[in-house]
């Protein structure tokens, strides 16, 4: 669990540092739908999503290894790494 949690935390922290603390002026001026959640919801949602990625990934990798499917575990780890890099880079 430690490796997956560390990788997910690193991706989340990188994305957070790369993101500006304010939204661009053009975005603030857009007319948004009434159902758009307030800004305070987004850090909670992203933290929950990243925590879910860490726990789910650790469980999946452990299950692959327990079943002797090491190649699938390695493939999952590689895909997870690519996914986290894209998530961090998106910001």
PDB file of N, CA and C in Angstrom:
ATOM      1  N   UNK A   1       0.815  -1.203   0.000  1.00  0.00           N
ATOM      2  CA  UNK A   1       0.000   0.000   0.000  1.00  0.00           C
ATOM      3  C   UNK A   1       0.856   1.263   0.000  1.00  0.00           C
ATOM      4  N   UNK A   2       2.008   1.184   0.618  1.00  0.00           N
ATOM      5  CA  UNK A   2       2.828   2.374   0.781  1.00  0.00           C
ATOM      6  C   UNK A   2       3.277   2.965  -0.557  1.00  0.00           C
ATOM      7  N   UNK A   3       3.684   2.114  -1.474  1.00  0.00           N
ATOM      8  CA  UNK A   3       4.156   2.611  -2.782  1.00  0.00           C
ATOM      9  C   UNK A   3       3.037   3.298  -3.554  1.00  0.00           C
ATOM     10  N   UNK A   4       1.857   2.663  -3.581  1.00  0.00           N
ATOM     11  CA  UNK A   4       0.748   3.245  -4.310  1.00  0.00           C
ATOM     12  C   UNK A   4       0.315   4.563  -3.659  1.00  0.00           C
ATOM     13  N   UNK A   5       0.266   4.578  -2.338  1.00  0.00           N
ATOM     14  CA  UNK A   5      -0.128   5.804  -1.632  1.00  0.00           C
ATOM     15  C   UNK A   5       0.886   6.913  -1.886  1.00  0.00           C
ATOM     16  N   UNK A   6       2.154   6.564  -1.892  1.00  0.00           N
ATOM     17  CA  UNK A   6       3.190   7.568  -2.156  1.00  0.00           C
ATOM     18  C   UNK A   6       3.097   8.094  -3.588  1.00  0.00           C
ATOM     19  N   UNK A   7       2.882   7.203  -4.545  1.00  0.00           N
ATOM     20  CA  UNK A   7       2.775   7.620  -5.946  1.00  0.00           C
ATOM     21  C   UNK A   7       1.560   8.514  -6.164  1.00  0.00           C
ATOM     22  N   UNK A   8       0.442   8.141  -5.577  1.00  0.00           N
ATOM     23  CA  UNK A   8      -0.779   8.935  -5.731  1.00  0.00           C
ATOM     24  C   UNK A   8      -0.620  10.288  -5.036  1.00  0.00           C
ATOM     25  N   UNK A   9      -0.023  10.293  -3.850  1.00  0.00           N
ATOM     26  CA  UNK A   9       0.211  11.550  -3.131  1.00  0.00           C
ATOM     27  C   UNK A   9       1.136  12.459  -3.927  1.00  0.00           C
ATOM     28  N   UNK A  10       2.173  11.897  -4.527  1.00  0.00           N
ATOM     29  CA  UNK A  10       3.096  12.700  -5.339  1.00  0.00           C
ATOM     30  C   UNK A  10       2.378  13.314  -6.536  1.00  0.00           C
ATOM     31  N   UNK A  11       1.522  12.546  -7.198  1.00  0.00           N
ATOM     32  CA  UNK A  11       0.777  13.070  -8.348  1.00  0.00           C
ATOM     33  C   UNK A  11      -0.179  14.181  -7.910  1.00  0.00           C
ATOM     34  N   UNK A  12      -0.868  13.959  -6.804  1.00  0.00           N
ATOM     35  CA  UNK A  12      -1.809  14.967  -6.307  1.00  0.00           C
ATOM     36  C   UNK A  12      -1.067  16.239  -5.895  1.00  0.00           C
ATOM     37  N   UNK A  13       0.058  16.084  -5.215  1.00  0.00           N
ATOM     38  CA  UNK A  13       0.823  17.255  -4.777  1.00  0.00           C
ATOM     39  C   UNK A  13       1.392  18.019  -5.964  1.00  0.00           C
ATOM     40  N   UNK A  14       1.892  17.296  -6.955  1.00  0.00           N
ATOM     41  CA  UNK A  14       2.428  17.945  -8.155  1.00  0.00           C
ATOM     42  C   UNK A  14       1.334  18.735  -8.865  1.00  0.00           C
ATOM     43  N   UNK A  15       0.186  18.132  -9.024  1.00  0.00           N
ATOM     44  CA  UNK A  15      -0.933  18.829  -9.660  1.00  0.00           C
ATOM     45  C   UNK A  15      -1.382  20.034  -8.867  1.00  0.00           C
ATOM     46  N   UNK A  16      -1.371  19.910  -7.566  1.00  0.00           N
ATOM     47  CA  UNK A  16      -1.793  21.015  -6.704  1.00  0.00           C
ATOM     48  C   UNK A  16      -0.823  22.187  -6.784  1.00  0.00           C
ATOM     49  N   UNK A  17       0.467  21.882  -6.773  1.00  0.00           N
ATOM     50  CA  UNK A  17       1.482  22.929  -6.852  1.00  0.00           C
ATOM     51  C   UNK A  17       1.454  23.605  -8.225  1.00  0.00           C
ATOM     52  N   UNK A  18       1.188  22.821  -9.254  1.00  0.00           N
ATOM     53  CA  UNK A  18       1.182  23.353 -10.620  1.00  0.00           C
ATOM     54  C   UNK A  18      -0.059  24.195 -10.919  1.00  0.00           C
ATOM     55  N   UNK A  19      -1.111  23.996 -10.146  1.00  0.00           N
ATOM     56  CA  UNK A  19      -2.352  24.728 -10.392  1.00  0.00           C
ATOM     57  C   UNK A  19      -2.298  26.099  -9.725  1.00  0.00           C
ATOM     58  N   UNK A  20      -2.720  27.114 -10.435  1.00  0.00           N
ATOM     59  CA  UNK A  20      -2.773  28.435  -9.806  1.00  0.00           C
ATOM     60  C   UNK A  20      -3.842  28.460  -8.715  1.00  0.00           C
ATOM     61  N   UNK A  21      -3.630  29.314  -7.731  1.00  0.00           N
ATOM     62  CA  UNK A  21      -4.583  29.406  -6.621  1.00  0.00           C
ATOM     63  C   UNK A  21      -5.841  30.180  -6.991  1.00  0.00           C
ATOM     64  N   UNK A  22      -5.851  30.769  -8.142  1.00  0.00           N
ATOM     65  CA  UNK A  22      -7.034  31.508  -8.571  1.00  0.00           C
ATOM     66  C   UNK A  22      -7.401  31.070  -9.976  1.00  0.00           C
ATOM     67  N   UNK A  23      -8.650  31.262 -10.303  1.00  0.00           N
ATOM     68  CA  UNK A  23      -9.092  30.919 -11.650  1.00  0.00           C
ATOM     69  C   UNK A  23      -8.861  32.122 -12.559  1.00  0.00           C
ATOM     70  N   UNK A  24      -8.643  31.867 -13.834  1.00  0.00           N
ATOM     71  CA  UNK A  24      -8.453  32.983 -14.769  1.00  0.00           C
ATOM     72  C   UNK A  24      -9.710  33.858 -14.833  1.00  0.00           C
ATOM     73  N   UNK A  25      -9.512  35.121 -15.118  1.00  0.00           N
ATOM     74  CA  UNK A  25     -10.620  36.067 -15.177  1.00  0.00           C
ATOM     75  C   UNK A  25     -11.704  35.666 -16.146  1.00  0.00           C
ATOM     76  N   UNK A  26     -11.324  35.110 -17.302  1.00  0.00           N
ATOM     77  CA  UNK A  26     -12.326  34.732 -18.293  1.00  0.00           C
ATOM     78  C   UNK A  26     -13.241  33.653 -17.755  1.00  0.00           C
ATOM     79  N   UNK A  27     -12.694  32.755 -16.932  1.00  0.00           N
ATOM     80  CA  UNK A  27     -13.522  31.682 -16.393  1.00  0.00           C
ATOM     81  C   UNK A  27     -14.518  32.230 -15.372  1.00  0.00           C
ATOM     82  N   UNK A  28     -14.068  33.161 -14.553  1.00  0.00           N
ATOM     83  CA  UNK A  28     -14.968  33.755 -13.566  1.00  0.00           C
ATOM     84  C   UNK A  28     -16.115  34.504 -14.233  1.00  0.00           C
ATOM     85  N   UNK A  29     -15.891  35.016 -15.422  1.00  0.00           N
ATOM     86  CA  UNK A  29     -16.923  35.778 -16.126  1.00  0.00           C
ATOM     87  C   UNK A  29     -17.915  34.904 -16.897  1.00  0.00           C
ATOM     88  N   UNK A  30     -17.625  33.629 -17.041  1.00  0.00           N
ATOM     89  CA  UNK A  30     -18.546  32.736 -17.749  1.00  0.00           C
ATOM     90  C   UNK A  30     -19.862  32.593 -16.986  1.00  0.00           C
ATOM     91  N   UNK A  31     -20.927  32.455 -17.732  1.00  0.00           N
ATOM     92  CA  UNK A  31     -22.217  32.148 -17.122  1.00  0.00           C
ATOM     93  C   UNK A  31     -22.251  30.638 -16.886  1.00  0.00           C
ATOM     94  N   UNK A  32     -22.365  30.254 -15.648  1.00  0.00           N
ATOM     95  CA  UNK A  32     -22.293  28.838 -15.299  1.00  0.00           C
ATOM     96  C   UNK A  32     -23.664  28.321 -14.892  1.00  0.00           C
ATOM     97  N   UNK A  33     -23.867  27.007 -15.036  1.00  0.00           N
ATOM     98  CA  UNK A  33     -25.166  26.439 -14.662  1.00  0.00           C
ATOM     99  C   UNK A  33     -25.382  26.513 -13.144  1.00  0.00           C
ATOM    100  N   UNK A  34     -26.611  26.501 -12.752  1.00  0.00           N
ATOM    101  CA  UNK A  34     -26.954  26.607 -11.331  1.00  0.00           C
ATOM    102  C   UNK A  34     -26.467  25.405 -10.518  1.00  0.00           C
ATOM    103  N   UNK A  35     -26.265  24.277 -11.187  1.00  0.00           N
ATOM    104  CA  UNK A  35     -25.858  23.061 -10.477  1.00  0.00           C
ATOM    105  C   UNK A  35     -24.352  22.937 -10.290  1.00  0.00           C
ATOM    106  N   UNK A  36     -23.578  23.923 -10.736  1.00  0.00           N
ATOM    107  CA  UNK A  36     -22.134  23.854 -10.527  1.00  0.00           C
ATOM    108  C   UNK A  36     -21.851  23.975  -9.036  1.00  0.00           C
ATOM    109  N   UNK A  37     -21.068  23.042  -8.494  1.00  0.00           N
ATOM    110  CA  UNK A  37     -20.792  23.093  -7.055  1.00  0.00           C
ATOM    111  C   UNK A  37     -19.888  24.283  -6.709  1.00  0.00           C
ATOM    112  N   UNK A  38     -19.917  24.706  -5.462  1.00  0.00           N
ATOM    113  CA  UNK A  38     -19.041  25.801  -5.045  1.00  0.00           C
ATOM    114  C   UNK A  38     -17.573  25.371  -5.081  1.00  0.00           C
ATOM    115  N   UNK A  39     -16.689  26.346  -5.149  1.00  0.00           N
ATOM    116  CA  UNK A  39     -15.252  26.068  -5.256  1.00  0.00           C
ATOM    117  C   UNK A  39     -14.726  25.200  -4.117  1.00  0.00           C
ATOM    118  N   UNK A  40     -15.294  25.333  -2.944  1.00  0.00           N
ATOM    119  CA  UNK A  40     -14.816  24.584  -1.774  1.00  0.00           C
ATOM    120  C   UNK A  40     -14.995  23.075  -1.923  1.00  0.00           C
ATOM    121  N   UNK A  41     -15.859  22.645  -2.823  1.00  0.00           N
ATOM    122  CA  UNK A  41     -16.122  21.220  -3.004  1.00  0.00           C
ATOM    123  C   UNK A  41     -14.983  20.522  -3.757  1.00  0.00           C
ATOM    124  N   UNK A  42     -14.313  21.237  -4.629  1.00  0.00           N
ATOM    125  CA  UNK A  42     -13.324  20.602  -5.504  1.00  0.00           C
ATOM    126  C   UNK A  42     -12.139  19.981  -4.758  1.00  0.00           C
ATOM    127  N   UNK A  43     -11.529  20.647  -3.773  1.00  0.00           N
ATOM    128  CA  UNK A  43     -10.438  19.968  -3.053  1.00  0.00           C
ATOM    129  C   UNK A  43     -10.905  18.703  -2.337  1.00  0.00           C
ATOM    130  N   UNK A  44     -12.110  18.723  -1.823  1.00  0.00           N
ATOM    131  CA  UNK A  44     -12.652  17.538  -1.144  1.00  0.00           C
ATOM    132  C   UNK A  44     -12.861  16.411  -2.152  1.00  0.00           C
ATOM    133  N   UNK A  45     -13.425  16.757  -3.299  1.00  0.00           N
ATOM    134  CA  UNK A  45     -13.682  15.740  -4.328  1.00  0.00           C
ATOM    135  C   UNK A  45     -12.374  15.145  -4.847  1.00  0.00           C
ATOM    136  N   UNK A  46     -11.394  15.987  -5.148  1.00  0.00           N
ATOM    137  CA  UNK A  46     -10.127  15.481  -5.678  1.00  0.00           C
ATOM    138  C   UNK A  46      -9.383  14.638  -4.655  1.00  0.00           C
ATOM    139  N   UNK A  47      -9.415  15.055  -3.393  1.00  0.00           N
ATOM    140  CA  UNK A  47      -8.765  14.260  -2.349  1.00  0.00           C
ATOM    141  C   UNK A  47      -9.422  12.890  -2.239  1.00  0.00           C
ATOM    142  N   UNK A  48     -10.742  12.864  -2.294  1.00  0.00           N
ATOM    143  CA  UNK A  48     -11.465  11.590  -2.233  1.00  0.00           C
ATOM    144  C   UNK A  48     -11.135  10.708  -3.433  1.00  0.00           C
ATOM    145  N   UNK A  49     -11.084  11.306  -4.619  1.00  0.00           N
ATOM    146  CA  UNK A  49     -10.760  10.538  -5.825  1.00  0.00           C
ATOM    147  C   UNK A  49      -9.353   9.946  -5.761  1.00  0.00           C
ATOM    148  N   UNK A  50      -8.386  10.751  -5.354  1.00  0.00           N
ATOM    149  CA  UNK A  50      -7.011  10.246  -5.263  1.00  0.00           C
ATOM    150  C   UNK A  50      -6.889   9.163  -4.185  1.00  0.00           C
ATOM    151  N   UNK A  51      -7.570   9.322  -3.063  1.00  0.00           N
ATOM    152  CA  UNK A  51      -7.543   8.285  -2.025  1.00  0.00           C
ATOM    153  C   UNK A  51      -8.139   6.985  -2.561  1.00  0.00           C
ATOM    154  N   UNK A  52      -9.216   7.099  -3.318  1.00  0.00           N
ATOM    155  CA  UNK A  52      -9.837   5.922  -3.918  1.00  0.00           C
ATOM    156  C   UNK A  52      -8.891   5.238  -4.907  1.00  0.00           C
ATOM    157  N   UNK A  53      -8.191   6.032  -5.703  1.00  0.00           N
ATOM    158  CA  UNK A  53      -7.226   5.467  -6.652  1.00  0.00           C
ATOM    159  C   UNK A  53      -6.155   4.683  -5.905  1.00  0.00           C
ATOM    160  N   UNK A  54      -5.651   5.239  -4.805  1.00  0.00           N
ATOM    161  CA  UNK A  54      -4.588   4.568  -4.037  1.00  0.00           C
ATOM    162  C   UNK A  54      -5.073   3.254  -3.443  1.00  0.00           C
ATOM    163  N   UNK A  55      -6.213   3.266  -2.798  1.00  0.00           N
ATOM    164  CA  UNK A  55      -6.723   2.064  -2.136  1.00  0.00           C
ATOM    165  C   UNK A  55      -7.105   1.006  -3.159  1.00  0.00           C
ATOM    166  N   UNK A  56      -7.828   1.401  -4.189  1.00  0.00           N
ATOM    167  CA  UNK A  56      -8.253   0.449  -5.213  1.00  0.00           C
ATOM    168  C   UNK A  56      -7.064  -0.163  -5.935  1.00  0.00           C
ATOM    169  N   UNK A  57      -6.082   0.658  -6.254  1.00  0.00           N
ATOM    170  CA  UNK A  57      -4.900   0.157  -6.952  1.00  0.00           C
ATOM    171  C   UNK A  57      -4.111  -0.812  -6.083  1.00  0.00           C
ATOM    172  N   UNK A  58      -3.921  -0.467  -4.818  1.00  0.00           N
ATOM    173  CA  UNK A  58      -3.185  -1.358  -3.922  1.00  0.00           C
ATOM    174  C   UNK A  58      -3.906  -2.704  -3.795  1.00  0.00           C
ATOM    175  N   UNK A  59      -5.216  -2.669  -3.642  1.00  0.00           N
ATOM    176  CA  UNK A  59      -5.982  -3.921  -3.533  1.00  0.00           C
ATOM    177  C   UNK A  59      -5.893  -4.744  -4.815  1.00  0.00           C
ATOM    178  N   UNK A  60      -5.981  -4.098  -5.944  1.00  0.00           N
ATOM    179  CA  UNK A  60      -5.926  -4.802  -7.231  1.00  0.00           C
ATOM    180  C   UNK A  60      -4.555  -5.441  -7.439  1.00  0.00           C
ATOM    181  N   UNK A  61      -3.508  -4.692  -7.168  1.00  0.00           N
ATOM    182  CA  UNK A  61      -2.148  -5.224  -7.334  1.00  0.00           C
ATOM    183  C   UNK A  61      -1.914  -6.395  -6.380  1.00  0.00           C
ATOM    184  N   UNK A  62      -2.347  -6.243  -5.127  1.00  0.00           N
ATOM    185  CA  UNK A  62      -2.199  -7.341  -4.165  1.00  0.00           C
ATOM    186  C   UNK A  62      -2.954  -8.591  -4.621  1.00  0.00           C
ATOM    187  N   UNK A  63      -4.152  -8.404  -5.146  1.00  0.00           N
ATOM    188  CA  UNK A  63      -4.945  -9.551  -5.602  1.00  0.00           C
ATOM    189  C   UNK A  63      -4.266 -10.245  -6.792  1.00  0.00           C
ATOM    190  N   UNK A  64      -3.762  -9.458  -7.732  1.00  0.00           N
ATOM    191  CA  UNK A  64      -3.028 -10.049  -8.862  1.00  0.00           C
ATOM    192  C   UNK A  64      -1.853 -10.878  -8.349  1.00  0.00           C
ATOM    193  N   UNK A  65      -1.096 -10.319  -7.431  1.00  0.00           N
ATOM    194  CA  UNK A  65       0.089 -11.027  -6.915  1.00  0.00           C
ATOM    195  C   UNK A  65      -0.303 -12.278  -6.134  1.00  0.00           C
ATOM    196  N   UNK A  66      -1.349 -12.192  -5.331  1.00  0.00           N
ATOM    197  CA  UNK A  66      -1.809 -13.360  -4.565  1.00  0.00           C
ATOM    198  C   UNK A  66      -2.243 -14.490  -5.485  1.00  0.00           C
ATOM    199  N   UNK A  67      -2.803 -14.132  -6.635  1.00  0.00           N
ATOM    200  CA  UNK A  67      -3.259 -15.134  -7.606  1.00  0.00           C
ATOM    201  C   UNK A  67      -2.138 -15.600  -8.534  1.00  0.00           C
ATOM    202  N   UNK A  68      -0.925 -15.114  -8.303  1.00  0.00           N
ATOM    203  CA  UNK A  68       0.207 -15.509  -9.141  1.00  0.00           C
ATOM    204  C   UNK A  68       0.217 -14.840 -10.502  1.00  0.00           C
ATOM    205  N   UNK A  69      -0.520 -13.756 -10.653  1.00  0.00           N
ATOM    206  CA  UNK A  69      -0.588 -13.048 -11.933  1.00  0.00           C
ATOM    207  C   UNK A  69       0.326 -11.819 -11.895  1.00  0.00           C
ATOM    208  N   UNK A  70       1.616 -12.102 -11.743  1.00  0.00           N
ATOM    209  CA  UNK A  70       2.597 -11.023 -11.598  1.00  0.00           C
ATOM    210  C   UNK A  70       2.694 -10.154 -12.843  1.00  0.00           C
ATOM    211  N   UNK A  71       2.522 -10.728 -14.018  1.00  0.00           N
ATOM    212  CA  UNK A  71       2.579  -9.931 -15.251  1.00  0.00           C
ATOM    213  C   UNK A  71       1.435  -8.922 -15.282  1.00  0.00           C
ATOM    214  N   UNK A  72       0.267  -9.344 -14.837  1.00  0.00           N
ATOM    215  CA  UNK A  72      -0.861  -8.414 -14.798  1.00  0.00           C
ATOM    216  C   UNK A  72      -0.651  -7.334 -13.739  1.00  0.00           C
ATOM    217  N   UNK A  73      -0.039  -7.706 -12.621  1.00  0.00           N
ATOM    218  CA  UNK A  73       0.272  -6.720 -11.586  1.00  0.00           C
ATOM    219  C   UNK A  73       1.245  -5.686 -12.135  1.00  0.00           C
ATOM    220  N   UNK A  74       2.259  -6.154 -12.852  1.00  0.00           N
ATOM    221  CA  UNK A  74       3.232  -5.235 -13.445  1.00  0.00           C
ATOM    222  C   UNK A  74       2.580  -4.319 -14.487  1.00  0.00           C
ATOM    223  N   UNK A  75       1.699  -4.878 -15.294  1.00  0.00           N
ATOM    224  CA  UNK A  75       0.981  -4.083 -16.284  1.00  0.00           C
ATOM    225  C   UNK A  75       0.099  -3.032 -15.628  1.00  0.00           C
ATOM    226  N   UNK A  76      -0.560  -3.416 -14.539  1.00  0.00           N
ATOM    227  CA  UNK A  76      -1.404  -2.479 -13.811  1.00  0.00           C
ATOM    228  C   UNK A  76      -0.568  -1.352 -13.220  1.00  0.00           C
ATOM    229  N   UNK A  77       0.583  -1.699 -12.655  1.00  0.00           N
ATOM    230  CA  UNK A  77       1.474  -0.691 -12.073  1.00  0.00           C
ATOM    231  C   UNK A  77       1.943   0.282 -13.147  1.00  0.00           C
ATOM    232  N   UNK A  78       2.286  -0.234 -14.323  1.00  0.00           N
ATOM    233  CA  UNK A  78       2.714   0.631 -15.421  1.00  0.00           C
ATOM    234  C   UNK A  78       1.589   1.569 -15.851  1.00  0.00           C
ATOM    235  N   UNK A  79       0.376   1.021 -15.992  1.00  0.00           N
ATOM    236  CA  UNK A  79      -0.771   1.846 -16.378  1.00  0.00           C
ATOM    237  C   UNK A  79      -1.084   2.891 -15.307  1.00  0.00           C
ATOM    238  N   UNK A  80      -0.967   2.504 -14.058  1.00  0.00           N
ATOM    239  CA  UNK A  80      -1.192   3.445 -12.960  1.00  0.00           C
ATOM    240  C   UNK A  80      -0.175   4.586 -13.020  1.00  0.00           C
ATOM    241  N   UNK A  81       1.078   4.247 -13.281  1.00  0.00           N
ATOM    242  CA  UNK A  81       2.112   5.280 -13.396  1.00  0.00           C
ATOM    243  C   UNK A  81       1.815   6.263 -14.513  1.00  0.00           C
ATOM    244  N   UNK A  82       1.390   5.754 -15.657  1.00  0.00           N
ATOM    245  CA  UNK A  82       1.038   6.629 -16.787  1.00  0.00           C
ATOM    246  C   UNK A  82      -0.155   7.503 -16.412  1.00  0.00           C
ATOM    247  N   UNK A  83      -1.165   6.896 -15.806  1.00  0.00           N
ATOM    248  CA  UNK A  83      -2.347   7.647 -15.389  1.00  0.00           C
ATOM    249  C   UNK A  83      -1.991   8.760 -14.418  1.00  0.00           C
ATOM    250  N   UNK A  84      -1.154   8.472 -13.437  1.00  0.00           N
ATOM    251  CA  UNK A  84      -0.778   9.484 -12.451  1.00  0.00           C
ATOM    252  C   UNK A  84       0.063  10.589 -13.080  1.00  0.00           C
ATOM    253  N   UNK A  85       0.932  10.217 -14.010  1.00  0.00           N
ATOM    254  CA  UNK A  85       1.732  11.243 -14.704  1.00  0.00           C
ATOM    255  C   UNK A  85       0.843  12.164 -15.519  1.00  0.00           C
ATOM    256  N   UNK A  86      -0.142  11.600 -16.192  1.00  0.00           N
ATOM    257  CA  UNK A  86      -1.077  12.424 -16.972  1.00  0.00           C
ATOM    258  C   UNK A  86      -1.894  13.316 -16.025  1.00  0.00           C
ATOM    259  N   UNK A  87      -2.360  12.759 -14.922  1.00  0.00           N
ATOM    260  CA  UNK A  87      -3.119  13.566 -13.958  1.00  0.00           C
ATOM    261  C   UNK A  87      -2.287  14.717 -13.404  1.00  0.00           C
ATOM    262  N   UNK A  88      -1.047  14.438 -13.049  1.00  0.00           N
ATOM    263  CA  UNK A  88      -0.178  15.497 -12.525  1.00  0.00           C
ATOM    264  C   UNK A  88       0.139  16.522 -13.592  1.00  0.00           C
ATOM    265  N   UNK A  89       0.388  16.054 -14.810  1.00  0.00           N
ATOM    266  CA  UNK A  89       0.732  16.960 -15.910  1.00  0.00           C
ATOM    267  C   UNK A  89      -0.433  17.784 -16.407  1.00  0.00           C
ATOM    268  N   UNK A  90      -1.640  17.310 -16.210  1.00  0.00           N
ATOM    269  CA  UNK A  90      -2.828  18.014 -16.689  1.00  0.00           C
ATOM    270  C   UNK A  90      -2.925  19.397 -16.066  1.00  0.00           C
ATOM    271  N   UNK A  91      -2.516  19.506 -14.827  1.00  0.00           N
ATOM    272  CA  UNK A  91      -2.611  20.792 -14.128  1.00  0.00           C
ATOM    273  C   UNK A  91      -1.664  21.806 -14.712  1.00  0.00           C
TER     274      UNK A  91
END
